[in-house]
Amino acid sequence: MEPLGGEETIARRAEPQPFKFWCSWFCPYAQRVWLCLEEIADASEEPFHYQYLEINPYAPTDGPNTKVSLSIVEKQRKYPEFVAASPKGLVPALDDNGKTVYESLVCCEYLSDCFPNILMPADPHKKAQVRLWIDHNNNKVVPMFYKMLMAQVPEEQAALKDLLLEGLRTSNTLMLKSSIGGSFLGGQEFSLADAVLLPWWQRMLVILPKYRDFEIPETPEYYRLHDWWRALCSRESFRRVRISDESLIANYAGYANNTATSWVAKTYR
């Protein structure tokens, strides 16, 4: 049977379960938690099921902005269980039989602790390498993606493109140092290190070429990252949470013209 795509997985995981996951399909911060959940479903010795609950954080509008964020009061009225689990009203959030967790990386670490040796290596030094990789990409890659996409002045776009490529070159170097053999950061084993960058890598290959004429060069400074991407494209857990390119392109139009109203847009504007 063909692996499911993200849209199909949303429907398949809608059945009520004790373990609940609140997500917005377009959010890369939530997608990395979603990917972790699918990894656990594949690798756990005991059957693991979760309920996917879609959150639409925007109000209907006929005005110039296609998306207007709901206030926390409006979210609480529309999604009371979600806001109880995530007081800021931001995805992702988890409810593990009444124990709630929110914030993207906190959710990832929580899942790693609940299911040892699936998302993090057992070796302390390898765990440290994973955390260093996460820190680098959260500070030197992810912000540049948003800033470049929202920048409207060509000179600013060019400067941010250089910073993004610099961050990716460092990512490539870190991968070469920390993984000898194998396709993933830790070599043969998938980990949080892979999950935290993957949603943005897809968007860099899909969104930035469409709106900013951006490409990641096929040169030695990026070879390790390209090999990593090719390996992950065939990984069933990622294929099950991968949203179509067309949907992502349409969703990011507001970032490209700098009208987006999301928390992320306000943070990096």
C-alpha atoms as a PDB file:
ATOM      1  CA  MET A   1       0.000   0.000   0.000  1.00  0.00           C
ATOM      2  CA  GLU A   2       1.275   3.478  -0.875  1.00  0.00           C
ATOM      3  CA  PRO A   3       2.340   5.540   2.160  1.00  0.00           C
ATOM      4  CA  LEU A   4      -0.181   8.220   3.099  1.00  0.00           C
ATOM      5  CA  GLY A   5       0.365  11.910   2.447  1.00  0.00           C
ATOM      6  CA  GLY A   6      -0.237  14.552   5.084  1.00  0.00           C
ATOM      7  CA  GLU A   7      -3.799  15.305   4.019  1.00  0.00           C
ATOM      8  CA  GLU A   8      -4.720  11.605   4.132  1.00  0.00           C
ATOM      9  CA  THR A   9      -3.056  11.116   7.523  1.00  0.00           C
ATOM     10  CA  ILE A  10      -5.110  13.945   9.017  1.00  0.00           C
ATOM     11  CA  ALA A  11      -8.286  12.094   8.074  1.00  0.00           C
ATOM     12  CA  ARG A  12      -6.928   8.726   9.159  1.00  0.00           C
ATOM     13  CA  ARG A  13      -5.864   9.989  12.614  1.00  0.00           C
ATOM     14  CA  ALA A  14      -9.165  11.767  13.373  1.00  0.00           C
ATOM     15  CA  GLU A  15     -10.592   8.905  15.441  1.00  0.00           C
ATOM     16  CA  PRO A  16     -10.791   9.779  19.163  1.00  0.00           C
ATOM     17  CA  GLN A  17      -7.856   8.491  21.213  1.00  0.00           C
ATOM     18  CA  PRO A  18      -6.592   9.063  24.783  1.00  0.00           C
ATOM     19  CA  PHE A  19      -3.475  10.703  23.303  1.00  0.00           C
ATOM     20  CA  LYS A  20      -4.416  13.944  21.540  1.00  0.00           C
ATOM     21  CA  PHE A  21      -2.347  16.123  19.208  1.00  0.00           C
ATOM     22  CA  TRP A  22      -3.412  19.647  18.266  1.00  0.00           C
ATOM     23  CA  CYS A  23      -1.895  20.845  15.020  1.00  0.00           C
ATOM     24  CA  SER A  24      -2.355  23.247  12.107  1.00  0.00           C
ATOM     25  CA  TRP A  25      -1.440  21.493   8.867  1.00  0.00           C
ATOM     26  CA  PHE A  26       0.605  24.425   7.547  1.00  0.00           C
ATOM     27  CA  CYS A  27       2.720  24.972  10.689  1.00  0.00           C
ATOM     28  CA  PRO A  28       6.304  23.632  10.510  1.00  0.00           C
ATOM     29  CA  TYR A  29       6.688  23.896  14.298  1.00  0.00           C
ATOM     30  CA  ALA A  30       3.754  21.521  14.686  1.00  0.00           C
ATOM     31  CA  GLN A  31       4.849  19.351  11.757  1.00  0.00           C
ATOM     32  CA  ARG A  32       8.052  18.324  13.488  1.00  0.00           C
ATOM     33  CA  VAL A  33       6.038  17.050  16.468  1.00  0.00           C
ATOM     34  CA  TRP A  34       3.690  15.322  14.041  1.00  0.00           C
ATOM     35  CA  LEU A  35       6.685  13.626  12.427  1.00  0.00           C
ATOM     36  CA  CYS A  36       7.871  12.447  15.845  1.00  0.00           C
ATOM     37  CA  LEU A  37       4.449  10.950  16.549  1.00  0.00           C
ATOM     38  CA  GLU A  38       4.534   9.013  13.282  1.00  0.00           C
ATOM     39  CA  GLU A  39       8.066   7.809  14.036  1.00  0.00           C
ATOM     40  CA  ILE A  40       6.852   6.505  17.387  1.00  0.00           C
ATOM     41  CA  ALA A  41       3.879   4.806  15.733  1.00  0.00           C
ATOM     42  CA  ASP A  42       6.340   2.955  13.473  1.00  0.00           C
ATOM     43  CA  ALA A  43       9.021   2.111  16.035  1.00  0.00           C
ATOM     44  CA  SER A  44       7.229   1.572  19.348  1.00  0.00           C
ATOM     45  CA  GLU A  45       7.099  -2.019  20.593  1.00  0.00           C
ATOM     46  CA  GLU A  46       3.570  -1.407  21.875  1.00  0.00           C
ATOM     47  CA  PRO A  47       0.817  -0.161  19.529  1.00  0.00           C
ATOM     48  CA  PHE A  48       0.681   3.635  19.641  1.00  0.00           C
ATOM     49  CA  HIS A  49      -2.255   5.712  18.414  1.00  0.00           C
ATOM     50  CA  TYR A  50      -3.003   9.403  18.649  1.00  0.00           C
ATOM     51  CA  GLN A  51      -5.869  11.662  17.632  1.00  0.00           C
ATOM     52  CA  TYR A  52      -5.083  14.504  15.222  1.00  0.00           C
ATOM     53  CA  LEU A  53      -7.089  17.658  16.002  1.00  0.00           C
ATOM     54  CA  GLU A  54      -6.851  20.452  13.439  1.00  0.00           C
ATOM     55  CA  ILE A  55      -6.735  24.051  14.708  1.00  0.00           C
ATOM     56  CA  ASN A  56      -7.571  26.929  12.390  1.00  0.00           C
ATOM     57  CA  PRO A  57      -6.139  30.009  14.145  1.00  0.00           C
ATOM     58  CA  TYR A  58      -7.623  32.495  11.672  1.00  0.00           C
ATOM     59  CA  ALA A  59     -10.967  34.262  11.399  1.00  0.00           C
ATOM     60  CA  PRO A  60     -12.943  34.418   8.141  1.00  0.00           C
ATOM     61  CA  THR A  61     -12.392  37.742   6.388  1.00  0.00           C
ATOM     62  CA  ASP A  62     -13.368  39.538   3.200  1.00  0.00           C
ATOM     63  CA  GLY A  63     -10.820  42.296   3.726  1.00  0.00           C
ATOM     64  CA  PRO A  64      -7.369  42.847   2.198  1.00  0.00           C
ATOM     65  CA  ASN A  65      -5.749  40.396   4.624  1.00  0.00           C
ATOM     66  CA  THR A  66      -6.651  36.826   3.763  1.00  0.00           C
ATOM     67  CA  LYS A  67      -5.766  35.754   7.296  1.00  0.00           C
ATOM     68  CA  VAL A  68      -6.593  37.552  10.526  1.00  0.00           C
ATOM     69  CA  SER A  69      -5.467  35.771  13.672  1.00  0.00           C
ATOM     70  CA  LEU A  70      -8.060  34.869  16.261  1.00  0.00           C
ATOM     71  CA  SER A  71      -7.562  36.440  19.673  1.00  0.00           C
ATOM     72  CA  ILE A  72      -6.832  34.158  22.600  1.00  0.00           C
ATOM     73  CA  VAL A  73     -10.402  34.791  23.841  1.00  0.00           C
ATOM     74  CA  GLU A  74     -11.802  33.742  20.455  1.00  0.00           C
ATOM     75  CA  LYS A  75      -9.603  30.653  20.410  1.00  0.00           C
ATOM     76  CA  GLN A  76     -10.710  29.742  23.915  1.00  0.00           C
ATOM     77  CA  ARG A  77     -14.338  30.005  22.847  1.00  0.00           C
ATOM     78  CA  LYS A  78     -13.784  27.949  19.675  1.00  0.00           C
ATOM     79  CA  TYR A  79     -11.241  25.417  20.990  1.00  0.00           C
ATOM     80  CA  PRO A  80     -11.531  25.275  24.809  1.00  0.00           C
ATOM     81  CA  GLU A  81      -9.667  21.971  25.254  1.00  0.00           C
ATOM     82  CA  PHE A  82      -6.835  23.161  23.034  1.00  0.00           C
ATOM     83  CA  VAL A  83      -6.341  26.452  24.912  1.00  0.00           C
ATOM     84  CA  ALA A  84      -6.486  24.562  28.194  1.00  0.00           C
ATOM     85  CA  ALA A  85      -3.565  22.481  26.897  1.00  0.00           C
ATOM     86  CA  SER A  86      -1.743  25.426  25.267  1.00  0.00           C
ATOM     87  CA  PRO A  87      -2.380  28.648  27.235  1.00  0.00           C
ATOM     88  CA  LYS A  88      -0.803  30.824  24.526  1.00  0.00           C
ATOM     89  CA  GLY A  89      -3.191  29.373  21.957  1.00  0.00           C
ATOM     90  CA  LEU A  90      -0.341  28.225  19.706  1.00  0.00           C
ATOM     91  CA  VAL A  91       0.162  24.819  18.107  1.00  0.00           C
ATOM     92  CA  PRO A  92       1.452  22.256  18.719  1.00  0.00           C
ATOM     93  CA  ALA A  93       0.052  20.842  21.932  1.00  0.00           C
ATOM     94  CA  LEU A  94      -0.329  17.362  23.378  1.00  0.00           C
ATOM     95  CA  ASP A  95      -2.693  15.742  25.836  1.00  0.00           C
ATOM     96  CA  ASP A  96      -1.324  12.449  27.107  1.00  0.00           C
ATOM     97  CA  ASN A  97      -4.215  10.994  29.088  1.00  0.00           C
ATOM     98  CA  GLY A  98      -4.815  14.301  30.853  1.00  0.00           C
ATOM     99  CA  LYS A  99      -1.155  15.433  31.016  1.00  0.00           C
ATOM    100  CA  THR A 100      -0.778  18.435  28.724  1.00  0.00           C
ATOM    101  CA  VAL A 101       2.361  19.709  27.019  1.00  0.00           C
ATOM    102  CA  TYR A 102       2.886  22.633  24.633  1.00  0.00           C
ATOM    103  CA  GLU A 103       5.715  24.416  22.749  1.00  0.00           C
ATOM    104  CA  SER A 104       7.244  22.617  19.799  1.00  0.00           C
ATOM    105  CA  LEU A 105      10.617  21.505  21.153  1.00  0.00           C
ATOM    106  CA  VAL A 106       9.189  20.772  24.598  1.00  0.00           C
ATOM    107  CA  CYS A 107       6.667  18.445  22.955  1.00  0.00           C
ATOM    108  CA  CYS A 108       9.471  16.753  21.011  1.00  0.00           C
ATOM    109  CA  GLU A 109      11.556  16.252  24.162  1.00  0.00           C
ATOM    110  CA  TYR A 110       8.528  14.965  26.040  1.00  0.00           C
ATOM    111  CA  LEU A 111       7.874  12.352  23.363  1.00  0.00           C
ATOM    112  CA  SER A 112      11.534  11.401  23.407  1.00  0.00           C
ATOM    113  CA  ASP A 113      11.415  10.863  27.170  1.00  0.00           C
ATOM    114  CA  CYS A 114       8.196   8.839  26.942  1.00  0.00           C
ATOM    115  CA  PHE A 115       9.576   6.607  24.191  1.00  0.00           C
ATOM    116  CA  PRO A 116      13.316   6.153  24.866  1.00  0.00           C
ATOM    117  CA  ASN A 117      15.748   5.338  22.059  1.00  0.00           C
ATOM    118  CA  ILE A 118      13.327   6.214  19.262  1.00  0.00           C
ATOM    119  CA  LEU A 119      13.891   9.966  18.917  1.00  0.00           C
ATOM    120  CA  MET A 120      17.140  10.459  20.839  1.00  0.00           C
ATOM    121  CA  PRO A 121      20.279   8.313  21.058  1.00  0.00           C
ATOM    122  CA  ALA A 122      21.093   6.712  24.387  1.00  0.00           C
ATOM    123  CA  ASP A 123      24.688   7.933  24.387  1.00  0.00           C
ATOM    124  CA  PRO A 124      25.028  11.290  26.265  1.00  0.00           C
ATOM    125  CA  HIS A 125      27.561  12.716  23.817  1.00  0.00           C
ATOM    126  CA  LYS A 126      25.351  11.882  20.841  1.00  0.00           C
ATOM    127  CA  LYS A 127      22.429  13.515  22.648  1.00  0.00           C
ATOM    128  CA  ALA A 128      24.558  16.635  23.049  1.00  0.00           C
ATOM    129  CA  GLN A 129      25.303  16.601  19.312  1.00  0.00           C
ATOM    130  CA  VAL A 130      21.587  16.455  18.564  1.00  0.00           C
ATOM    131  CA  ARG A 131      20.922  19.426  20.854  1.00  0.00           C
ATOM    132  CA  LEU A 132      23.752  21.452  19.294  1.00  0.00           C
ATOM    133  CA  TRP A 133      22.311  20.764  15.838  1.00  0.00           C
ATOM    134  CA  ILE A 134      18.858  21.857  17.004  1.00  0.00           C
ATOM    135  CA  ASP A 135      20.253  25.045  18.534  1.00  0.00           C
ATOM    136  CA  HIS A 136      22.158  25.928  15.362  1.00  0.00           C
ATOM    137  CA  ASN A 137      19.202  25.452  13.037  1.00  0.00           C
ATOM    138  CA  ASN A 138      16.771  27.253  15.334  1.00  0.00           C
ATOM    139  CA  ASN A 139      19.067  30.284  15.469  1.00  0.00           C
ATOM    140  CA  LYS A 140      20.861  30.386  12.117  1.00  0.00           C
ATOM    141  CA  VAL A 141      18.545  28.732   9.594  1.00  0.00           C
ATOM    142  CA  VAL A 142      14.867  29.017  10.569  1.00  0.00           C
ATOM    143  CA  PRO A 143      14.922  32.807  11.242  1.00  0.00           C
ATOM    144  CA  MET A 144      16.647  33.478   7.907  1.00  0.00           C
ATOM    145  CA  PHE A 145      13.945  31.535   6.062  1.00  0.00           C
ATOM    146  CA  TYR A 146      11.206  33.784   7.431  1.00  0.00           C
ATOM    147  CA  LYS A 147      13.159  37.021   7.202  1.00  0.00           C
ATOM    148  CA  MET A 148      14.147  36.392   3.591  1.00  0.00           C
ATOM    149  CA  LEU A 149      10.604  35.420   2.641  1.00  0.00           C
ATOM    150  CA  MET A 150       9.080  38.526   4.236  1.00  0.00           C
ATOM    151  CA  ALA A 151      11.740  41.011   3.088  1.00  0.00           C
ATOM    152  CA  GLN A 152      10.428  43.274   0.321  1.00  0.00           C
ATOM    153  CA  VAL A 153      13.604  45.128  -0.684  1.00  0.00           C
ATOM    154  CA  PRO A 154      15.825  43.217  -3.168  1.00  0.00           C
ATOM    155  CA  GLU A 155      19.057  44.244  -1.437  1.00  0.00           C
ATOM    156  CA  GLU A 156      17.757  42.976   1.910  1.00  0.00           C
ATOM    157  CA  GLN A 157      16.597  39.741   0.300  1.00  0.00           C
ATOM    158  CA  ALA A 158      20.086  39.205  -1.165  1.00  0.00           C
ATOM    159  CA  ALA A 159      21.790  39.803   2.194  1.00  0.00           C
ATOM    160  CA  LEU A 160      19.419  37.380   3.948  1.00  0.00           C
ATOM    161  CA  LYS A 161      19.947  34.795   1.213  1.00  0.00           C
ATOM    162  CA  ASP A 162      23.677  34.897   1.972  1.00  0.00           C
ATOM    163  CA  LEU A 163      23.010  34.442   5.699  1.00  0.00           C
ATOM    164  CA  LEU A 164      20.667  31.513   5.049  1.00  0.00           C
ATOM    165  CA  LEU A 165      23.209  29.782   2.812  1.00  0.00           C
ATOM    166  CA  GLU A 166      25.909  30.400   5.411  1.00  0.00           C
ATOM    167  CA  GLY A 167      23.738  28.749   8.047  1.00  0.00           C
ATOM    168  CA  LEU A 168      23.116  25.762   5.761  1.00  0.00           C
ATOM    169  CA  ARG A 169      26.815  25.366   5.030  1.00  0.00           C
ATOM    170  CA  THR A 170      27.425  25.154   8.771  1.00  0.00           C
ATOM    171  CA  SER A 171      24.608  22.601   9.043  1.00  0.00           C
ATOM    172  CA  ASN A 172      26.317  20.552   6.350  1.00  0.00           C
ATOM    173  CA  THR A 173      29.635  20.725   8.223  1.00  0.00           C
ATOM    174  CA  LEU A 174      28.001  19.695  11.505  1.00  0.00           C
ATOM    175  CA  MET A 175      26.444  16.693   9.797  1.00  0.00           C
ATOM    176  CA  LEU A 176      29.791  15.626   8.347  1.00  0.00           C
ATOM    177  CA  LYS A 177      31.420  15.834  11.776  1.00  0.00           C
ATOM    178  CA  SER A 178      28.695  14.052  13.720  1.00  0.00           C
ATOM    179  CA  SER A 179      27.671  11.250  11.363  1.00  0.00           C
ATOM    180  CA  ILE A 180      30.107   8.839   9.797  1.00  0.00           C
ATOM    181  CA  GLY A 181      28.153   6.733   7.326  1.00  0.00           C
ATOM    182  CA  GLY A 182      24.398   6.523   7.068  1.00  0.00           C
ATOM    183  CA  SER A 183      21.928   9.102   5.837  1.00  0.00           C
ATOM    184  CA  PHE A 184      20.837  10.846   9.033  1.00  0.00           C
ATOM    185  CA  LEU A 185      22.561  13.225  11.406  1.00  0.00           C
ATOM    186  CA  GLY A 186      23.451  10.390  13.735  1.00  0.00           C
ATOM    187  CA  GLY A 187      24.458   8.046  10.932  1.00  0.00           C
ATOM    188  CA  GLN A 188      21.971   5.191  10.550  1.00  0.00           C
ATOM    189  CA  GLU A 189      19.466   6.406  13.168  1.00  0.00           C
ATOM    190  CA  PHE A 190      16.716   8.979  12.732  1.00  0.00           C
ATOM    191  CA  SER A 191      16.505  11.456  15.638  1.00  0.00           C
ATOM    192  CA  LEU A 192      15.108  14.808  16.703  1.00  0.00           C
ATOM    193  CA  ALA A 193      18.033  16.358  14.872  1.00  0.00           C
ATOM    194  CA  ASP A 194      16.420  15.297  11.611  1.00  0.00           C
ATOM    195  CA  ALA A 195      12.868  16.168  12.643  1.00  0.00           C
ATOM    196  CA  VAL A 196      13.573  19.763  13.672  1.00  0.00           C
ATOM    197  CA  LEU A 197      14.952  20.905  10.304  1.00  0.00           C
ATOM    198  CA  LEU A 198      12.939  18.772   7.907  1.00  0.00           C
ATOM    199  CA  PRO A 199       9.759  20.934   7.736  1.00  0.00           C
ATOM    200  CA  TRP A 200      11.783  24.029   6.854  1.00  0.00           C
ATOM    201  CA  TRP A 201      13.975  22.210   4.369  1.00  0.00           C
ATOM    202  CA  GLN A 202      10.870  21.225   2.408  1.00  0.00           C
ATOM    203  CA  ARG A 203       9.698  24.832   2.519  1.00  0.00           C
ATOM    204  CA  MET A 204      13.105  26.090   1.385  1.00  0.00           C
ATOM    205  CA  LEU A 205      12.866  23.833  -1.666  1.00  0.00           C
ATOM    206  CA  VAL A 206       9.233  24.739  -2.401  1.00  0.00           C
ATOM    207  CA  ILE A 207       8.389  28.200  -1.058  1.00  0.00           C
ATOM    208  CA  LEU A 208      11.610  30.149  -1.587  1.00  0.00           C
ATOM    209  CA  PRO A 209      12.091  29.177  -5.260  1.00  0.00           C
ATOM    210  CA  LYS A 210       8.501  30.252  -5.958  1.00  0.00           C
ATOM    211  CA  TYR A 211       8.628  33.613  -4.194  1.00  0.00           C
ATOM    212  CA  ARG A 212      12.338  34.502  -3.954  1.00  0.00           C
ATOM    213  CA  ASP A 213      14.061  32.678  -6.832  1.00  0.00           C
ATOM    214  CA  PHE A 214      16.155  30.814  -4.266  1.00  0.00           C
ATOM    215  CA  GLU A 215      17.997  27.554  -4.772  1.00  0.00           C
ATOM    216  CA  ILE A 216      20.306  25.541  -2.536  1.00  0.00           C
ATOM    217  CA  PRO A 217      23.365  24.887  -4.714  1.00  0.00           C
ATOM    218  CA  GLU A 218      24.296  21.337  -5.682  1.00  0.00           C
ATOM    219  CA  THR A 219      27.887  21.946  -4.595  1.00  0.00           C
ATOM    220  CA  PRO A 220      30.092  20.103  -2.056  1.00  0.00           C
ATOM    221  CA  GLU A 221      29.259  22.552   0.751  1.00  0.00           C
ATOM    222  CA  TYR A 222      25.669  21.261   0.653  1.00  0.00           C
ATOM    223  CA  TYR A 223      26.075  17.658  -0.559  1.00  0.00           C
ATOM    224  CA  ARG A 224      25.477  16.094   2.855  1.00  0.00           C
ATOM    225  CA  LEU A 225      22.212  17.997   3.260  1.00  0.00           C
ATOM    226  CA  HIS A 226      21.019  17.016  -0.199  1.00  0.00           C
ATOM    227  CA  ASP A 227      21.793  13.340   0.498  1.00  0.00           C
ATOM    228  CA  TRP A 228      19.919  13.630   3.782  1.00  0.00           C
ATOM    229  CA  TRP A 229      16.858  15.088   2.044  1.00  0.00           C
ATOM    230  CA  ARG A 230      16.797  12.332  -0.562  1.00  0.00           C
ATOM    231  CA  ALA A 231      16.912   9.693   2.181  1.00  0.00           C
ATOM    232  CA  LEU A 232      14.102  11.324   4.153  1.00  0.00           C
ATOM    233  CA  CYS A 233      11.848  11.659   1.111  1.00  0.00           C
ATOM    234  CA  SER A 234      11.551   7.879   1.081  1.00  0.00           C
ATOM    235  CA  ARG A 235      10.978   7.585   4.837  1.00  0.00           C
ATOM    236  CA  GLU A 236       7.389   6.537   5.462  1.00  0.00           C
ATOM    237  CA  SER A 237       6.902   8.674   8.581  1.00  0.00           C
ATOM    238  CA  PHE A 238       7.775  11.837   6.650  1.00  0.00           C
ATOM    239  CA  ARG A 239       5.701  10.843   3.655  1.00  0.00           C
ATOM    240  CA  ARG A 240       2.713  10.505   5.971  1.00  0.00           C
ATOM    241  CA  VAL A 241       3.071  14.071   7.313  1.00  0.00           C
ATOM    242  CA  ARG A 242       4.200  15.738   4.091  1.00  0.00           C
ATOM    243  CA  ILE A 243       1.737  18.363   2.888  1.00  0.00           C
ATOM    244  CA  SER A 244       1.444  18.953  -0.848  1.00  0.00           C
ATOM    245  CA  ASP A 245       3.698  21.588  -2.393  1.00  0.00           C
ATOM    246  CA  GLU A 246       0.673  23.347  -3.912  1.00  0.00           C
ATOM    247  CA  SER A 247      -0.967  23.778  -0.509  1.00  0.00           C
ATOM    248  CA  LEU A 248       2.217  25.180   1.018  1.00  0.00           C
ATOM    249  CA  ILE A 249       2.769  27.646  -1.840  1.00  0.00           C
ATOM    250  CA  ALA A 250      -0.760  29.019  -1.487  1.00  0.00           C
ATOM    251  CA  ASN A 251      -0.453  29.243   2.302  1.00  0.00           C
ATOM    252  CA  TYR A 252       2.798  31.249   2.277  1.00  0.00           C
ATOM    253  CA  ALA A 253       1.625  34.006  -0.088  1.00  0.00           C
ATOM    254  CA  GLY A 254       0.972  36.291   2.883  1.00  0.00           C
ATOM    255  CA  TYR A 255       4.548  35.876   4.091  1.00  0.00           C
ATOM    256  CA  ALA A 256       5.909  36.674   0.634  1.00  0.00           C
ATOM    257  CA  ASN A 257       4.039  39.996   0.461  1.00  0.00           C
ATOM    258  CA  ASN A 258       4.575  40.646   4.195  1.00  0.00           C
ATOM    259  CA  THR A 259       0.904  40.714   5.149  1.00  0.00           C
ATOM    260  CA  ALA A 260       1.008  37.561   7.323  1.00  0.00           C
ATOM    261  CA  THR A 261      -0.471  38.056  10.793  1.00  0.00           C
ATOM    262  CA  SER A 262       0.819  34.926  12.539  1.00  0.00           C
ATOM    263  CA  TRP A 263       2.899  34.916  15.712  1.00  0.00           C
ATOM    264  CA  VAL A 264       5.890  33.773  13.628  1.00  0.00           C
ATOM    265  CA  ALA A 265       5.485  36.619  11.140  1.00  0.00           C
ATOM    266  CA  LYS A 266       5.311  39.159  13.961  1.00  0.00           C
ATOM    267  CA  THR A 267       8.363  37.614  15.624  1.00  0.00           C
ATOM    268  CA  TYR A 268      10.623  37.778  12.561  1.00  0.00           C
ATOM    269  CA  ARG A 269       9.248  40.886  10.861  1.00  0.00           C
END
